[in-house]
Amino acid sequence: MIDRSEIALRPLAAADRERLLLWRNSERVRASMYTDHIIAPDEHEQWFARAVRDPASVHLICEYRGRPVGVVSFTGISRAHGRCSWAFYLGETDVPKGMGAAMEFLALSHAFETLGVGKLCCEVFAFNSGVIRLHEKFGFVREGRLLKHYVKNGKHEDVICLARFREGWEDDKRALFERCFGAAEASR
């Protein structure tokens, strides 16, 4: 089980630029992302510049024991409508079991408690059933299925649209915390 004190989200920094390109270009990450081609350094530089100055997005690095291990991104942040989209991935593979769930907990906390959104949306390829199940364990509901929505590896793929609402977050928070970090920590 992951110790809550050993995992944190921090803002994306210029020093993360090269690491992010390596992560984004890894086969494991590209397999589940819309951007699935090898990203050239100049293309990544343009993305990075947009990411850090876009007022409607927040990109965070997940650190475990002070070492960057993944990314959590919130995009399309709309204060007027109280919603945004999000995505995340583990860039490193040598992490404890349960790191994805721990990142999801931190992302939900950030979305509802820091960003103050009421609705958190995401899109997941239908073939990525493990991530869909993870989201559903965290209270996401399926809002729809986009049929033949994206061409990946020469094949049209369906995309599942999911959303989690802030209503019920406070009720669910303790149980989700315990699932990720253990009951002993929740009582601290």
Protein backbone atom coordinates (compact mmCIF):
# COMPACT_ATOMS: atom_id res chain seq x y z
CA MET A 1 0.00 0.00 0.00
CA ILE A 2 1.23 3.48 -0.83
CA ASP A 3 1.92 5.86 2.04
CA ARG A 4 -0.03 9.10 1.39
CA SER A 5 2.91 11.18 2.65
CA GLU A 6 5.10 9.80 -0.15
CA ILE A 7 2.97 10.93 -3.10
CA ALA A 8 2.16 14.46 -4.25
CA LEU A 9 1.12 16.53 -7.23
CA ARG A 10 3.15 19.59 -8.18
CA PRO A 11 2.94 22.06 -11.07
CA LEU A 12 4.64 21.23 -14.33
CA ALA A 13 8.06 22.92 -14.55
CA ALA A 14 10.50 23.68 -17.36
CA ALA A 15 12.79 20.96 -15.97
CA ASP A 16 10.09 18.38 -16.81
CA ARG A 17 10.19 19.11 -20.56
CA GLU A 18 12.57 16.32 -21.65
CA ARG A 19 11.14 13.72 -19.28
CA LEU A 20 7.63 14.38 -20.59
CA LEU A 21 8.76 13.86 -24.17
CA LEU A 22 10.29 10.50 -23.24
CA TRP A 23 7.08 9.49 -21.45
CA ARG A 24 4.81 10.70 -24.26
CA ASN A 25 6.87 8.79 -26.82
CA SER A 26 6.93 5.52 -24.90
CA GLU A 27 4.93 2.78 -26.59
CA ARG A 28 3.08 2.05 -23.33
CA VAL A 29 1.76 5.63 -23.03
CA ARG A 30 1.07 6.13 -26.75
CA ALA A 31 -1.02 2.95 -26.85
CA SER A 32 -3.85 4.61 -24.89
CA MET A 33 -3.52 8.23 -26.01
CA TYR A 34 -5.03 10.17 -28.91
CA THR A 35 -1.56 11.42 -29.81
CA ASP A 36 0.00 8.11 -30.70
CA HIS A 37 2.71 9.01 -33.20
CA ILE A 38 6.32 9.61 -32.21
CA ILE A 39 6.41 13.25 -31.17
CA ALA A 40 9.27 15.28 -32.61
CA PRO A 41 11.14 17.61 -30.23
CA ASP A 42 9.83 20.77 -31.95
CA GLU A 43 6.22 19.49 -31.80
CA HIS A 44 6.69 18.73 -28.10
CA GLU A 45 8.19 22.18 -27.52
CA GLN A 46 5.12 23.81 -29.06
CA TRP A 47 2.79 21.63 -26.96
CA PHE A 48 4.77 22.39 -23.79
CA ALA A 49 4.69 26.16 -24.43
CA ARG A 50 0.91 26.04 -24.95
CA ALA A 51 0.39 23.82 -21.91
CA VAL A 52 2.16 26.13 -19.47
CA ARG A 53 0.47 29.33 -20.62
CA ASP A 54 -3.09 28.11 -21.32
CA PRO A 55 -5.30 29.61 -18.58
CA ALA A 56 -7.89 26.86 -19.15
CA SER A 57 -5.50 24.03 -18.33
CA VAL A 58 -3.46 22.78 -15.40
CA HIS A 59 -0.73 20.18 -15.82
CA LEU A 60 0.70 18.51 -12.74
CA ILE A 61 3.55 16.09 -12.18
CA CYS A 62 2.93 13.24 -9.77
CA GLU A 63 5.93 12.55 -7.58
CA TYR A 64 6.49 9.43 -5.52
CA ARG A 65 9.15 9.78 -2.86
CA GLY A 66 10.26 12.97 -4.60
CA ARG A 67 10.71 11.31 -8.01
CA PRO A 68 8.48 12.23 -10.97
CA VAL A 69 6.43 9.19 -12.00
CA GLY A 70 3.44 10.51 -13.94
CA VAL A 71 1.25 13.33 -15.18
CA VAL A 72 -2.24 14.60 -14.33
CA SER A 73 -3.76 17.15 -16.72
CA PHE A 74 -6.92 19.20 -16.52
CA THR A 75 -8.01 20.89 -19.74
CA GLY A 76 -10.93 22.92 -20.96
CA ILE A 77 -11.43 24.33 -17.48
CA SER A 78 -14.65 26.33 -17.58
CA ARG A 79 -15.42 28.41 -14.52
CA ALA A 80 -18.73 29.47 -16.12
CA HIS A 81 -19.90 25.88 -16.47
CA GLY A 82 -18.00 24.40 -13.53
CA ARG A 83 -16.40 21.59 -15.48
CA CYS A 84 -13.21 20.38 -17.10
CA SER A 85 -11.72 17.32 -18.73
CA TRP A 86 -8.84 15.36 -17.34
CA ALA A 87 -6.34 12.71 -18.26
CA PHE A 88 -3.45 11.02 -16.53
CA TYR A 89 -0.75 8.47 -17.11
CA LEU A 90 2.14 6.84 -15.36
CA GLY A 91 5.39 7.66 -17.12
CA GLU A 92 7.47 5.30 -14.99
CA THR A 93 6.88 1.59 -14.63
CA ASP A 94 8.89 0.86 -11.48
CA VAL A 95 6.22 2.11 -9.10
CA PRO A 96 4.24 0.31 -6.40
CA LYS A 97 1.00 -1.43 -7.27
CA GLY A 98 -1.88 0.97 -6.78
CA MET A 99 -0.05 4.07 -8.03
CA GLY A 100 -2.69 4.72 -10.71
CA ALA A 101 -5.47 4.64 -8.12
CA ALA A 102 -3.49 6.92 -5.82
CA MET A 103 -3.01 9.38 -8.69
CA GLU A 104 -6.72 9.25 -9.44
CA PHE A 105 -7.57 10.07 -5.82
CA LEU A 106 -5.20 13.06 -5.87
CA ALA A 107 -6.66 14.20 -9.20
CA LEU A 108 -10.23 14.10 -7.87
CA SER A 109 -9.17 15.99 -4.75
CA HIS A 110 -7.47 18.62 -6.89
CA ALA A 111 -10.41 18.95 -9.28
CA PHE A 112 -13.10 19.29 -6.64
CA GLU A 113 -11.22 20.98 -3.80
CA THR A 114 -8.63 23.15 -5.57
CA LEU A 115 -10.08 23.85 -9.02
CA GLY A 116 -13.61 23.85 -7.61
CA VAL A 117 -15.24 22.18 -10.61
CA GLY A 118 -18.53 20.38 -10.22
CA LYS A 119 -18.03 17.96 -13.12
CA LEU A 120 -14.88 16.15 -14.16
CA CYS A 121 -15.02 14.58 -17.65
CA CYS A 122 -12.80 12.13 -19.49
CA GLU A 123 -12.65 10.05 -22.63
CA VAL A 124 -11.18 6.55 -22.69
CA PHE A 125 -10.73 4.19 -25.62
CA ALA A 126 -13.27 1.37 -25.26
CA PHE A 127 -10.47 -1.20 -25.47
CA ASN A 128 -8.88 0.29 -22.33
CA SER A 129 -11.22 -1.60 -20.01
CA GLY A 130 -8.85 -1.50 -17.02
CA VAL A 131 -8.87 2.31 -16.91
CA ILE A 132 -12.63 2.41 -17.44
CA ARG A 133 -13.09 0.06 -14.46
CA LEU A 134 -10.69 2.19 -12.36
CA HIS A 135 -12.67 5.35 -13.14
CA GLU A 136 -15.93 3.61 -12.30
CA LYS A 137 -14.51 2.48 -8.93
CA PHE A 138 -13.90 6.17 -8.25
CA GLY A 139 -17.51 7.09 -8.97
CA PHE A 140 -17.31 7.98 -12.65
CA VAL A 141 -20.43 7.21 -14.66
CA ARG A 142 -20.64 6.45 -18.36
CA GLU A 143 -22.25 9.31 -20.20
CA GLY A 144 -21.93 7.92 -23.69
CA ARG A 145 -20.06 6.01 -26.34
CA LEU A 146 -18.61 7.72 -29.39
CA LEU A 147 -18.75 5.09 -32.12
CA LYS A 148 -15.81 4.75 -34.50
CA HIS A 149 -14.56 8.04 -33.09
CA TYR A 150 -10.82 7.81 -33.59
CA VAL A 151 -8.54 5.94 -35.99
CA LYS A 152 -5.82 4.10 -34.11
CA ASN A 153 -3.46 1.65 -35.78
CA GLY A 154 -5.55 1.82 -38.93
CA LYS A 155 -8.77 0.87 -37.14
CA HIS A 156 -11.72 3.01 -36.05
CA GLU A 157 -12.05 2.80 -32.26
CA ASP A 158 -14.95 3.65 -29.97
CA VAL A 159 -14.42 6.08 -27.10
CA ILE A 160 -16.25 5.93 -23.77
CA CYS A 161 -17.23 9.28 -22.21
CA LEU A 162 -17.24 9.30 -18.41
CA ALA A 163 -17.88 11.91 -15.75
CA ARG A 164 -17.57 12.23 -12.00
CA PHE A 165 -19.54 14.88 -10.14
CA ARG A 166 -18.54 16.77 -7.02
CA GLU A 167 -21.86 15.82 -5.40
CA GLY A 168 -21.07 12.83 -3.26
CA TRP A 169 -17.31 13.47 -3.22
CA GLU A 170 -17.23 14.27 0.50
CA ASP A 171 -19.27 11.12 1.19
CA ASP A 172 -17.00 8.94 -0.98
CA LYS A 173 -13.68 10.56 -0.10
CA ARG A 174 -12.85 8.58 3.05
CA ALA A 175 -13.58 5.16 1.52
CA LEU A 176 -11.60 6.04 -1.61
CA PHE A 177 -8.71 7.31 0.53
CA GLU A 178 -8.71 4.05 2.50
CA ARG A 179 -8.75 2.03 -0.73
CA CYS A 180 -5.64 3.89 -1.93
CA PHE A 181 -3.69 4.54 1.23
CA GLY A 182 -5.13 2.30 3.97
CA ALA A 183 -7.46 2.75 6.90
CA ALA A 184 -4.73 3.64 9.37
CA GLU A 185 -3.78 6.71 7.37
CA ALA A 186 -7.38 7.87 6.99
CA SER A 187 -7.69 8.15 10.76
CA ARG A 188 -4.65 10.43 11.10
